[in-house]
C-alpha atoms as a PDB file:
ATOM      1  CA  MET A   1     -14.929  -6.554   8.114  1.00  0.00           C
ATOM      2  CA  ILE A   2     -14.213  -9.547   5.864  1.00  0.00           C
ATOM      3  CA  ILE A   3     -13.687  -7.258   2.862  1.00  0.00           C
ATOM      4  CA  ASP A   4     -11.331  -4.996   4.832  1.00  0.00           C
ATOM      5  CA  ASP A   5      -9.320  -8.013   6.027  1.00  0.00           C
ATOM      6  CA  LEU A   6      -9.141  -9.455   2.505  1.00  0.00           C
ATOM      7  CA  LEU A   7      -7.972  -6.161   0.992  1.00  0.00           C
ATOM      8  CA  LYS A   8      -5.417  -5.635   3.768  1.00  0.00           C
ATOM      9  CA  LYS A   9      -4.023  -9.120   3.133  1.00  0.00           C
ATOM     10  CA  ALA A  10      -3.863  -8.435  -0.623  1.00  0.00           C
ATOM     11  CA  LYS A  11      -2.148  -5.089  -0.082  1.00  0.00           C
ATOM     12  CA  ASP A  12       0.345  -6.469   2.462  1.00  0.00           C
ATOM     13  CA  ASN A  13       1.275  -9.410   0.210  1.00  0.00           C
ATOM     14  CA  ALA A  14       1.549  -7.240  -2.903  1.00  0.00           C
ATOM     15  CA  THR A  15       3.626  -4.587  -1.141  1.00  0.00           C
ATOM     16  CA  THR A  16       6.044  -7.198   0.194  1.00  0.00           C
ATOM     17  CA  ALA A  17       6.384  -8.844  -3.215  1.00  0.00           C
ATOM     18  CA  THR A  18       6.987  -5.565  -5.040  1.00  0.00           C
ATOM     19  CA  ALA A  19       9.105  -3.580  -2.602  1.00  0.00           C
ATOM     20  CA  ASP A  20      11.585  -2.758  -5.398  1.00  0.00           C
ATOM     21  CA  VAL A  21       8.880  -1.267  -7.628  1.00  0.00           C
ATOM     22  CA  SER A  22       8.911   2.521  -7.808  1.00  0.00           C
ATOM     23  CA  VAL A  23       6.223   3.236 -10.413  1.00  0.00           C
ATOM     24  CA  ASP A  24       2.769   3.964  -9.023  1.00  0.00           C
ATOM     25  CA  GLY A  25      -0.116   5.715 -10.708  1.00  0.00           C
ATOM     26  CA  THR A  26      -3.166   5.486 -12.947  1.00  0.00           C
ATOM     27  CA  THR A  27      -2.837   4.550 -16.607  1.00  0.00           C
ATOM     28  CA  VAL A  28      -5.203   3.757 -19.444  1.00  0.00           C
ATOM     29  CA  MET A  29      -4.484   0.092 -20.219  1.00  0.00           C
ATOM     30  CA  LYS A  30      -6.824  -0.467 -23.182  1.00  0.00           C
ATOM     31  CA  GLN A  31      -9.607   1.675 -24.538  1.00  0.00           C
ATOM     32  CA  GLY A  32     -11.846   2.383 -21.556  1.00  0.00           C
ATOM     33  CA  GLU A  33      -9.822   0.279 -19.086  1.00  0.00           C
ATOM     34  CA  TYR A  34      -7.737   1.733 -16.280  1.00  0.00           C
ATOM     35  CA  TRP A  35      -5.203   0.434 -13.759  1.00  0.00           C
ATOM     36  CA  SER A  36      -4.526   2.445 -10.653  1.00  0.00           C
ATOM     37  CA  GLY A  37      -1.651   0.912  -8.729  1.00  0.00           C
ATOM     38  CA  ILE A  38       1.863  -0.426  -8.979  1.00  0.00           C
ATOM     39  CA  TYR A  39       3.673  -1.329 -12.214  1.00  0.00           C
ATOM     40  CA  LYS A  40       6.623  -3.530 -12.956  1.00  0.00           C
ATOM     41  CA  ASP A  41       8.077  -3.936 -16.440  1.00  0.00           C
ATOM     42  CA  GLY A  42       5.099  -2.069 -17.912  1.00  0.00           C
ATOM     43  CA  LEU A  43       2.497  -4.411 -16.366  1.00  0.00           C
ATOM     44  CA  SER A  44       0.122  -4.054 -13.443  1.00  0.00           C
ATOM     45  CA  HIS A  45       2.021  -5.784 -10.644  1.00  0.00           C
ATOM     46  CA  GLY A  46       1.150  -5.437  -6.974  1.00  0.00           C
ATOM     47  CA  TYR A  47      -1.868  -3.956  -5.261  1.00  0.00           C
ATOM     48  CA  GLY A  48      -4.318  -1.711  -7.074  1.00  0.00           C
ATOM     49  CA  THR A  49      -7.650  -1.277  -8.825  1.00  0.00           C
ATOM     50  CA  TYR A  50      -8.444  -2.287 -12.406  1.00  0.00           C
ATOM     51  CA  THR A  51     -11.558  -0.791 -13.988  1.00  0.00           C
ATOM     52  CA  TYR A  52     -12.866  -2.578 -17.086  1.00  0.00           C
ATOM     53  CA  ALA A  53     -14.619  -1.012 -20.094  1.00  0.00           C
ATOM     54  CA  ASP A  54     -17.757  -3.066 -19.306  1.00  0.00           C
ATOM     55  CA  LYS A  55     -17.882  -1.350 -15.864  1.00  0.00           C
ATOM     56  CA  GLY A  56     -16.527  -4.371 -13.993  1.00  0.00           C
ATOM     57  CA  MET A  57     -13.903  -3.615 -11.340  1.00  0.00           C
ATOM     58  CA  TYR A  58     -11.161  -5.618  -9.613  1.00  0.00           C
ATOM     59  CA  LYS A  59      -9.406  -4.493  -6.447  1.00  0.00           C
ATOM     60  CA  GLY A  60      -6.527  -6.549  -5.136  1.00  0.00           C
ATOM     61  CA  SER A  61      -3.225  -8.160  -6.081  1.00  0.00           C
ATOM     62  CA  MET A  62      -1.884  -8.418  -9.622  1.00  0.00           C
ATOM     63  CA  PHE A  63       1.146 -10.352 -10.844  1.00  0.00           C
ATOM     64  CA  LYS A  64       2.612  -9.619 -14.268  1.00  0.00           C
ATOM     65  CA  GLY A  65      -0.663  -8.144 -15.521  1.00  0.00           C
ATOM     66  CA  GLN A  66      -2.976 -10.852 -14.153  1.00  0.00           C
ATOM     67  CA  LYS A  67      -5.200 -11.133 -11.091  1.00  0.00           C
ATOM     68  CA  HIS A  68      -3.143 -13.210  -8.670  1.00  0.00           C
ATOM     69  CA  GLY A  69      -3.453 -13.449  -4.883  1.00  0.00           C
ATOM     70  CA  GLU A  70      -6.350 -11.997  -2.912  1.00  0.00           C
ATOM     71  CA  GLY A  71      -8.887  -9.645  -4.427  1.00  0.00           C
ATOM     72  CA  ILE A  72     -12.464  -8.625  -5.063  1.00  0.00           C
ATOM     73  CA  MET A  73     -14.064  -8.607  -8.511  1.00  0.00           C
ATOM     74  CA  VAL A  74     -17.306  -6.729  -9.081  1.00  0.00           C
ATOM     75  CA  TYR A  75     -18.941  -7.942 -12.298  1.00  0.00           C
ATOM     76  CA  PRO A  76     -21.139  -5.735 -14.534  1.00  0.00           C
ATOM     77  CA  ASN A  77     -24.259  -7.678 -13.418  1.00  0.00           C
ATOM     78  CA  GLY A  78     -23.560  -6.724  -9.786  1.00  0.00           C
ATOM     79  CA  HIS A  79     -22.240 -10.124  -8.684  1.00  0.00           C
ATOM     80  CA  ARG A  80     -19.074 -10.088  -6.613  1.00  0.00           C
ATOM     81  CA  TYR A  81     -16.294 -12.599  -6.082  1.00  0.00           C
ATOM     82  CA  LEU A  82     -14.187 -12.220  -2.941  1.00  0.00           C
ATOM     83  CA  GLY A  83     -11.205 -14.519  -2.621  1.00  0.00           C
ATOM     84  CA  SER A  84      -8.126 -16.038  -4.207  1.00  0.00           C
ATOM     85  CA  TRP A  85      -6.933 -15.684  -7.799  1.00  0.00           C
ATOM     86  CA  LYS A  86      -4.249 -17.457  -9.799  1.00  0.00           C
ATOM     87  CA  ASN A  87      -3.189 -16.560 -13.347  1.00  0.00           C
ATOM     88  CA  ASP A  88      -6.273 -14.334 -13.835  1.00  0.00           C
ATOM     89  CA  LEU A  89      -8.683 -17.123 -12.751  1.00  0.00           C
ATOM     90  CA  ARG A  90     -10.640 -17.713  -9.536  1.00  0.00           C
ATOM     91  CA  ASP A  91      -8.567 -20.335  -7.759  1.00  0.00           C
ATOM     92  CA  GLY A  92      -8.469 -21.238  -4.059  1.00  0.00           C
ATOM     93  CA  GLU A  93     -10.959 -20.205  -1.397  1.00  0.00           C
ATOM     94  CA  GLY A  94     -13.576 -17.688  -2.417  1.00  0.00           C
ATOM     95  CA  THR A  95     -17.162 -16.522  -2.221  1.00  0.00           C
ATOM     96  CA  LEU A  96     -19.467 -15.468  -5.038  1.00  0.00           C
ATOM     97  CA  VAL A  97     -22.462 -13.318  -4.075  1.00  0.00           C
ATOM     98  CA  ASP A  98     -25.204 -11.611  -6.074  1.00  0.00           C
ATOM     99  CA  GLU A  99     -25.946  -7.881  -6.186  1.00  0.00           C
ATOM    100  CA  ARG A 100     -27.869  -8.165  -2.874  1.00  0.00           C
ATOM    101  CA  TRP A 101     -24.918  -9.963  -1.219  1.00  0.00           C
ATOM    102  CA  THR A 102     -26.848 -13.246  -1.177  1.00  0.00           C
ATOM    103  CA  LYS A 103     -24.398 -16.139  -1.292  1.00  0.00           C
ATOM    104  CA  ILE A 104     -24.296 -18.036  -4.574  1.00  0.00           C
ATOM    105  CA  PHE A 105     -21.236 -20.194  -3.798  1.00  0.00           C
ATOM    106  CA  ARG A 106     -18.667 -20.288  -1.021  1.00  0.00           C
ATOM    107  CA  GLY A 107     -15.813 -22.756  -1.065  1.00  0.00           C
ATOM    108  CA  ALA A 108     -12.964 -23.964  -3.220  1.00  0.00           C
ATOM    109  CA  TRP A 109     -12.394 -22.810  -6.792  1.00  0.00           C
ATOM    110  CA  PHE A 110     -10.081 -24.332  -9.393  1.00  0.00           C
ATOM    111  CA  ASN A 111      -9.361 -22.828 -12.822  1.00  0.00           C
ATOM    112  CA  ASP A 112     -12.317 -20.411 -12.518  1.00  0.00           C
ATOM    113  CA  LYS A 113     -14.841 -23.153 -11.653  1.00  0.00           C
ATOM    114  CA  GLU A 114     -16.490 -24.192  -8.409  1.00  0.00           C
ATOM    115  CA  SER A 115     -14.627 -27.175  -6.971  1.00  0.00           C
ATOM    116  CA  GLY A 116     -16.581 -29.131  -4.400  1.00  0.00           C
ATOM    117  CA  PRO A 117     -19.626 -28.339  -2.299  1.00  0.00           C
ATOM    118  CA  SER A 118     -20.697 -24.864  -1.244  1.00  0.00           C
ATOM    119  CA  THR A 119     -20.409 -24.142   2.477  1.00  0.00           C
END
């Protein structure tokens, strides 16, 4: 339920912010990396899914080619981050869990680092 709510929020925010965007589809971004979603000025911009060459995957909001807003990142080691992003970095409220969904850290993030105590 939390994941569904987070993705709905990301999609709603991205759709509102990019209502004038008419390009939607899947494109190879770099060798072995794919973006499936909305584009603006040739960059991933809005809601979609980015698949990385190392098998990581991000699903959520993008802004001018960077993770920005709400989204979920699945890392190659199976860890997952669910929460806020700013300028391609974890920033704001978020939760990092391991491959078994055991909480590693839940709380505030700033510039891709844990900021404060875990809750």
